[in-house]
């Protein structure tokens, strides 16, 4: 009976710390192995890029137009999920904005 509190602490430690961390690592490995060309990604350094080529242990990503770098597959931190609707809305919004336009209507002098 005197070991029951110790067993409880170990169980809680495993439940709240080790298990979620191993699940996140598994999801990260799964995402890194499912990368495909033209995926938008964020590297662990915070750089946003587009996957241009995939090799066994590394990927080549484009970080600016014409600038392709080779990074370890493990450097890919997130796959950016941009829905088509959002992309179309951003594109349409950018086309509607013209230099000199005022947000609340016409400009008065």
N, C-alpha and C. Protein backbone atom coordinates (compact mmCIF):
# COMPACT_ATOMS: atom_id res chain seq x y z
N UNK A 1 0.80 -1.20 0.00
CA UNK A 1 0.00 0.00 0.00
C UNK A 1 0.85 1.27 0.00
N UNK A 2 2.06 1.20 0.51
CA UNK A 2 2.88 2.40 0.56
C UNK A 2 3.44 2.77 -0.81
N UNK A 3 3.38 1.85 -1.80
CA UNK A 3 3.86 2.14 -3.15
C UNK A 3 2.77 2.73 -4.04
N UNK A 4 1.54 2.72 -3.59
CA UNK A 4 0.41 3.19 -4.38
C UNK A 4 0.57 4.66 -4.80
N UNK A 5 0.95 5.58 -3.93
CA UNK A 5 1.15 6.97 -4.38
C UNK A 5 2.26 7.08 -5.44
N UNK A 6 3.33 6.32 -5.29
CA UNK A 6 4.42 6.36 -6.25
C UNK A 6 3.96 5.83 -7.61
N UNK A 7 3.19 4.75 -7.61
CA UNK A 7 2.65 4.19 -8.85
C UNK A 7 1.70 5.21 -9.49
N UNK A 8 0.91 5.89 -8.70
CA UNK A 8 0.00 6.91 -9.22
C UNK A 8 0.74 8.07 -9.87
N UNK A 9 1.83 8.51 -9.24
CA UNK A 9 2.62 9.60 -9.81
C UNK A 9 3.25 9.19 -11.13
N UNK A 10 3.80 7.98 -11.19
CA UNK A 10 4.40 7.48 -12.43
C UNK A 10 3.35 7.38 -13.52
N UNK A 11 2.17 6.89 -13.19
CA UNK A 11 1.08 6.77 -14.17
C UNK A 11 0.67 8.15 -14.68
N UNK A 12 0.52 9.11 -13.81
CA UNK A 12 0.15 10.46 -14.23
C UNK A 12 1.24 11.09 -15.09
N UNK A 13 2.50 10.88 -14.72
CA UNK A 13 3.62 11.39 -15.51
C UNK A 13 3.56 10.82 -16.92
N UNK A 14 3.34 9.53 -17.04
CA UNK A 14 3.26 8.89 -18.36
C UNK A 14 2.06 9.41 -19.13
N UNK A 15 0.93 9.54 -18.45
CA UNK A 15 -0.32 9.94 -19.10
C UNK A 15 -0.26 11.37 -19.62
N UNK A 16 0.31 12.29 -18.84
CA UNK A 16 0.26 13.70 -19.20
C UNK A 16 1.50 14.22 -19.92
N UNK A 17 2.62 13.51 -19.86
CA UNK A 17 3.85 14.03 -20.47
C UNK A 17 4.37 13.12 -21.58
N UNK A 18 4.62 11.89 -21.28
CA UNK A 18 5.28 11.00 -22.25
C UNK A 18 4.34 10.62 -23.40
N UNK A 19 3.13 10.23 -23.10
CA UNK A 19 2.20 9.78 -24.13
C UNK A 19 1.89 10.88 -25.15
N UNK A 20 1.52 12.11 -24.74
CA UNK A 20 1.26 13.16 -25.74
C UNK A 20 2.49 13.51 -26.58
N UNK A 21 3.66 13.51 -25.96
CA UNK A 21 4.88 13.83 -26.70
C UNK A 21 5.16 12.77 -27.76
N UNK A 22 5.00 11.51 -27.43
CA UNK A 22 5.25 10.45 -28.41
C UNK A 22 4.21 10.50 -29.53
N UNK A 23 2.99 10.89 -29.21
CA UNK A 23 1.95 11.02 -30.23
C UNK A 23 2.31 12.15 -31.20
N UNK A 24 2.79 13.29 -30.67
CA UNK A 24 3.19 14.41 -31.53
C UNK A 24 4.36 14.01 -32.43
N UNK A 25 5.32 13.27 -31.89
CA UNK A 25 6.46 12.83 -32.69
C UNK A 25 6.02 11.90 -33.81
N UNK A 26 5.07 11.03 -33.51
CA UNK A 26 4.55 10.10 -34.52
C UNK A 26 3.83 10.87 -35.62
N UNK A 27 3.03 11.87 -35.26
CA UNK A 27 2.32 12.68 -36.24
C UNK A 27 3.29 13.47 -37.10
N UNK A 28 4.36 14.00 -36.48
CA UNK A 28 5.37 14.75 -37.22
C UNK A 28 6.09 13.86 -38.23
N UNK A 29 6.49 12.66 -37.81
CA UNK A 29 7.15 11.73 -38.74
C UNK A 29 6.20 11.35 -39.88
N UNK A 30 4.93 11.16 -39.57
CA UNK A 30 3.95 10.82 -40.60
C UNK A 30 3.81 11.96 -41.60
N UNK A 31 3.74 13.20 -41.11
CA UNK A 31 3.61 14.35 -41.99
C UNK A 31 4.86 14.49 -42.85
N UNK A 32 6.04 14.31 -42.27
CA UNK A 32 7.28 14.45 -43.02
C UNK A 32 7.42 13.37 -44.09
N UNK A 33 6.89 12.20 -43.83
CA UNK A 33 6.98 11.13 -44.84
C UNK A 33 5.92 11.27 -45.92
N UNK A 34 4.88 12.07 -45.67
CA UNK A 34 3.82 12.23 -46.66
C UNK A 34 3.97 13.49 -47.49
N UNK A 35 5.12 14.15 -47.42
CA UNK A 35 5.34 15.37 -48.20
C UNK A 35 5.30 15.06 -49.69
N UNK A 36 4.80 16.01 -50.46
CA UNK A 36 4.82 15.87 -51.91
C UNK A 36 5.23 17.19 -52.53
N UNK A 37 5.63 17.14 -53.78
CA UNK A 37 6.09 18.33 -54.50
C UNK A 37 4.95 19.35 -54.55
N UNK A 38 5.29 20.61 -54.40
CA UNK A 38 4.38 21.77 -54.39
C UNK A 38 3.63 21.95 -53.08
N UNK A 39 3.95 21.18 -52.05
CA UNK A 39 3.36 21.41 -50.73
C UNK A 39 3.97 22.68 -50.13
N UNK A 40 3.14 23.48 -49.48
CA UNK A 40 3.62 24.64 -48.75
C UNK A 40 3.98 24.16 -47.35
N UNK A 41 5.18 24.47 -46.89
CA UNK A 41 5.64 24.01 -45.58
C UNK A 41 6.27 25.15 -44.80
N UNK A 42 6.37 24.95 -43.49
CA UNK A 42 7.13 25.85 -42.64
C UNK A 42 8.24 25.03 -42.01
N UNK A 43 9.47 25.49 -42.18
CA UNK A 43 10.60 24.78 -41.60
C UNK A 43 10.66 25.06 -40.10
N UNK A 44 11.40 24.26 -39.37
CA UNK A 44 11.50 24.44 -37.92
C UNK A 44 12.16 25.77 -37.57
N UNK A 45 12.85 26.38 -38.50
CA UNK A 45 13.46 27.69 -38.28
C UNK A 45 12.48 28.83 -38.48
N UNK A 46 11.27 28.51 -38.95
CA UNK A 46 10.25 29.53 -39.17
C UNK A 46 10.19 30.02 -40.60
N UNK A 47 10.99 29.49 -41.48
CA UNK A 47 11.01 29.90 -42.88
C UNK A 47 9.89 29.18 -43.63
N UNK A 48 9.09 29.93 -44.38
CA UNK A 48 8.05 29.34 -45.21
C UNK A 48 8.64 29.00 -46.57
N UNK A 49 8.26 27.85 -47.12
CA UNK A 49 8.85 27.40 -48.37
C UNK A 49 7.87 26.49 -49.11
N UNK A 50 8.22 26.20 -50.36
CA UNK A 50 7.46 25.28 -51.19
C UNK A 50 8.36 24.11 -51.56
N UNK A 51 7.88 22.90 -51.38
CA UNK A 51 8.67 21.70 -51.69
C UNK A 51 8.82 21.60 -53.20
N UNK A 52 10.05 21.47 -53.66
CA UNK A 52 10.33 21.34 -55.10
C UNK A 52 10.84 19.96 -55.48
N UNK A 53 11.54 19.27 -54.57
CA UNK A 53 12.04 17.92 -54.86
C UNK A 53 12.16 17.17 -53.54
N UNK A 54 11.93 15.86 -53.61
CA UNK A 54 12.00 15.03 -52.41
C UNK A 54 13.01 13.92 -52.66
N UNK A 55 13.96 13.81 -51.76
CA UNK A 55 14.95 12.74 -51.82
C UNK A 55 14.77 11.88 -50.58
N UNK A 56 15.57 10.86 -50.42
CA UNK A 56 15.38 9.91 -49.32
C UNK A 56 15.49 10.56 -47.94
N UNK A 57 16.57 11.32 -47.71
CA UNK A 57 16.78 11.89 -46.37
C UNK A 57 16.70 13.41 -46.33
N UNK A 58 16.43 14.05 -47.46
CA UNK A 58 16.31 15.50 -47.48
C UNK A 58 15.30 15.94 -48.54
N UNK A 59 14.94 17.21 -48.47
CA UNK A 59 14.04 17.79 -49.46
C UNK A 59 14.65 19.09 -49.97
N UNK A 60 14.30 19.45 -51.17
CA UNK A 60 14.71 20.73 -51.73
C UNK A 60 13.48 21.62 -51.72
N UNK A 61 13.64 22.78 -51.08
CA UNK A 61 12.53 23.70 -50.94
C UNK A 61 12.88 25.04 -51.55
N UNK A 62 11.88 25.71 -52.09
CA UNK A 62 12.06 27.04 -52.67
C UNK A 62 11.59 28.06 -51.64
N UNK A 63 12.51 28.91 -51.21
CA UNK A 63 12.18 29.90 -50.18
C UNK A 63 11.88 31.27 -50.78
N UNK A 64 12.29 31.49 -52.00
CA UNK A 64 11.98 32.70 -52.75
C UNK A 64 12.02 32.31 -54.23
N UNK A 65 11.51 33.15 -55.08
CA UNK A 65 11.47 32.81 -56.49
C UNK A 65 12.88 32.55 -57.01
N UNK A 66 13.13 31.31 -57.44
CA UNK A 66 14.43 30.93 -57.98
C UNK A 66 15.47 30.55 -56.94
N UNK A 67 15.12 30.58 -55.65
CA UNK A 67 16.07 30.23 -54.59
C UNK A 67 15.65 28.90 -53.97
N UNK A 68 16.37 27.83 -54.31
CA UNK A 68 16.05 26.49 -53.82
C UNK A 68 17.18 26.04 -52.91
N UNK A 69 16.81 25.58 -51.71
CA UNK A 69 17.82 25.09 -50.76
C UNK A 69 17.51 23.65 -50.41
N UNK A 70 18.54 22.95 -49.98
CA UNK A 70 18.43 21.55 -49.60
C UNK A 70 18.44 21.49 -48.07
N UNK A 71 17.39 20.89 -47.48
CA UNK A 71 17.29 20.79 -46.03
C UNK A 71 16.99 19.34 -45.65
N UNK A 72 17.33 18.99 -44.43
CA UNK A 72 17.01 17.66 -43.92
C UNK A 72 15.50 17.53 -43.81
N UNK A 73 15.00 16.35 -44.05
CA UNK A 73 13.56 16.11 -43.97
C UNK A 73 13.02 16.47 -42.58
N UNK A 74 13.82 16.26 -41.55
CA UNK A 74 13.41 16.58 -40.19
C UNK A 74 13.29 18.07 -39.92
N UNK A 75 13.79 18.91 -40.84
CA UNK A 75 13.69 20.36 -40.66
C UNK A 75 12.32 20.89 -41.03
N UNK A 76 11.48 20.05 -41.63
CA UNK A 76 10.12 20.46 -41.98
C UNK A 76 9.26 20.34 -40.73
N UNK A 77 8.76 21.47 -40.26
CA UNK A 77 8.00 21.48 -39.01
C UNK A 77 6.51 21.36 -39.21
N UNK A 78 5.96 22.01 -40.23
CA UNK A 78 4.52 22.01 -40.48
C UNK A 78 4.24 22.01 -41.97
N UNK A 79 3.12 21.41 -42.33
CA UNK A 79 2.62 21.53 -43.68
C UNK A 79 1.52 22.58 -43.62
N UNK A 80 1.62 23.59 -44.45
CA UNK A 80 0.66 24.70 -44.42
C UNK A 80 -0.60 24.27 -45.18
N UNK A 81 -1.73 24.36 -44.49
CA UNK A 81 -3.01 23.99 -45.09
C UNK A 81 -3.74 25.27 -45.47
N UNK A 82 -3.70 25.65 -46.75
CA UNK A 82 -4.42 26.82 -47.20
C UNK A 82 -5.54 26.33 -48.10
N UNK A 83 -6.76 26.57 -47.68
CA UNK A 83 -7.92 26.12 -48.44
C UNK A 83 -8.05 26.94 -49.71
N UNK A 84 -8.60 26.33 -50.75
CA UNK A 84 -8.75 27.02 -52.03
C UNK A 84 -9.63 28.26 -51.88
N UNK A 85 -10.66 28.18 -51.05
CA UNK A 85 -11.55 29.32 -50.86
C UNK A 85 -10.79 30.51 -50.29
N UNK A 86 -9.92 30.27 -49.32
CA UNK A 86 -9.14 31.34 -48.72
C UNK A 86 -8.18 31.93 -49.74
N UNK A 87 -7.54 31.09 -50.52
CA UNK A 87 -6.59 31.57 -51.52
C UNK A 87 -7.31 32.42 -52.57
N UNK A 88 -8.50 31.98 -53.01
CA UNK A 88 -9.26 32.74 -53.98
C UNK A 88 -9.72 34.07 -53.38
N UNK A 89 -10.14 34.07 -52.12
CA UNK A 89 -10.60 35.29 -51.47
C UNK A 89 -9.45 36.28 -51.34
N UNK A 90 -8.25 35.80 -50.98
CA UNK A 90 -7.09 36.68 -50.87
C UNK A 90 -6.72 37.27 -52.22
N UNK A 91 -6.80 36.44 -53.26
CA UNK A 91 -6.47 36.90 -54.61
C UNK A 91 -7.47 37.95 -55.07
N UNK A 92 -8.76 37.70 -54.85
CA UNK A 92 -9.79 38.66 -55.25
C UNK A 92 -9.67 39.95 -54.46
N UNK A 93 -9.35 39.85 -53.19
CA UNK A 93 -9.18 41.04 -52.35
C UNK A 93 -8.00 41.88 -52.84
N UNK A 94 -6.92 41.23 -53.22
CA UNK A 94 -5.74 41.94 -53.70
C UNK A 94 -6.04 42.65 -55.02
N UNK A 95 -6.86 42.04 -55.87
CA UNK A 95 -7.21 42.66 -57.15
C UNK A 95 -8.13 43.86 -56.95
N UNK A 96 -9.01 43.81 -55.95
CA UNK A 96 -9.95 44.89 -55.71
C UNK A 96 -9.32 46.11 -55.10
N UNK A 97 -8.21 45.96 -54.39
CA UNK A 97 -7.53 47.09 -53.78
C UNK A 97 -6.70 47.81 -54.83
N UNK A 98 -6.92 49.12 -54.93
CA UNK A 98 -6.16 49.92 -55.88
C UNK A 98 -5.47 51.02 -55.11
N UNK A 99 -4.32 51.45 -55.57
CA UNK A 99 -3.63 52.55 -54.88
C UNK A 99 -4.53 53.79 -54.85
N UNK A 100 -4.60 54.45 -53.72
CA UNK A 100 -5.39 55.66 -53.57
C UNK A 100 -6.79 55.41 -53.06
N UNK A 101 -7.25 54.18 -53.07
CA UNK A 101 -8.57 53.87 -52.55
C UNK A 101 -8.58 54.05 -51.05
N UNK A 102 -9.70 54.51 -50.54
CA UNK A 102 -9.85 54.67 -49.11
C UNK A 102 -10.79 53.59 -48.63
N UNK A 103 -10.53 53.04 -47.46
CA UNK A 103 -11.30 51.91 -46.95
C UNK A 103 -12.78 52.22 -46.77
N UNK A 104 -13.14 53.47 -46.42
CA UNK A 104 -14.54 53.75 -46.13
C UNK A 104 -15.27 54.41 -47.31
N UNK A 105 -14.77 54.37 -48.48
CA UNK A 105 -15.48 54.92 -49.63
C UNK A 105 -14.58 55.84 -50.41
N UNK A 106 -15.19 56.89 -50.97
CA UNK A 106 -14.42 57.80 -51.82
C UNK A 106 -13.68 58.81 -50.96
N UNK A 107 -12.65 59.35 -51.55
CA UNK A 107 -11.82 60.32 -50.84
C UNK A 107 -12.37 61.71 -51.11
N UNK A 108 -12.60 62.48 -50.05
CA UNK A 108 -13.13 63.83 -50.21
C UNK A 108 -12.09 64.85 -49.79
N UNK A 109 -12.09 66.00 -50.47
CA UNK A 109 -11.17 67.08 -50.15
C UNK A 109 -11.87 68.22 -49.51
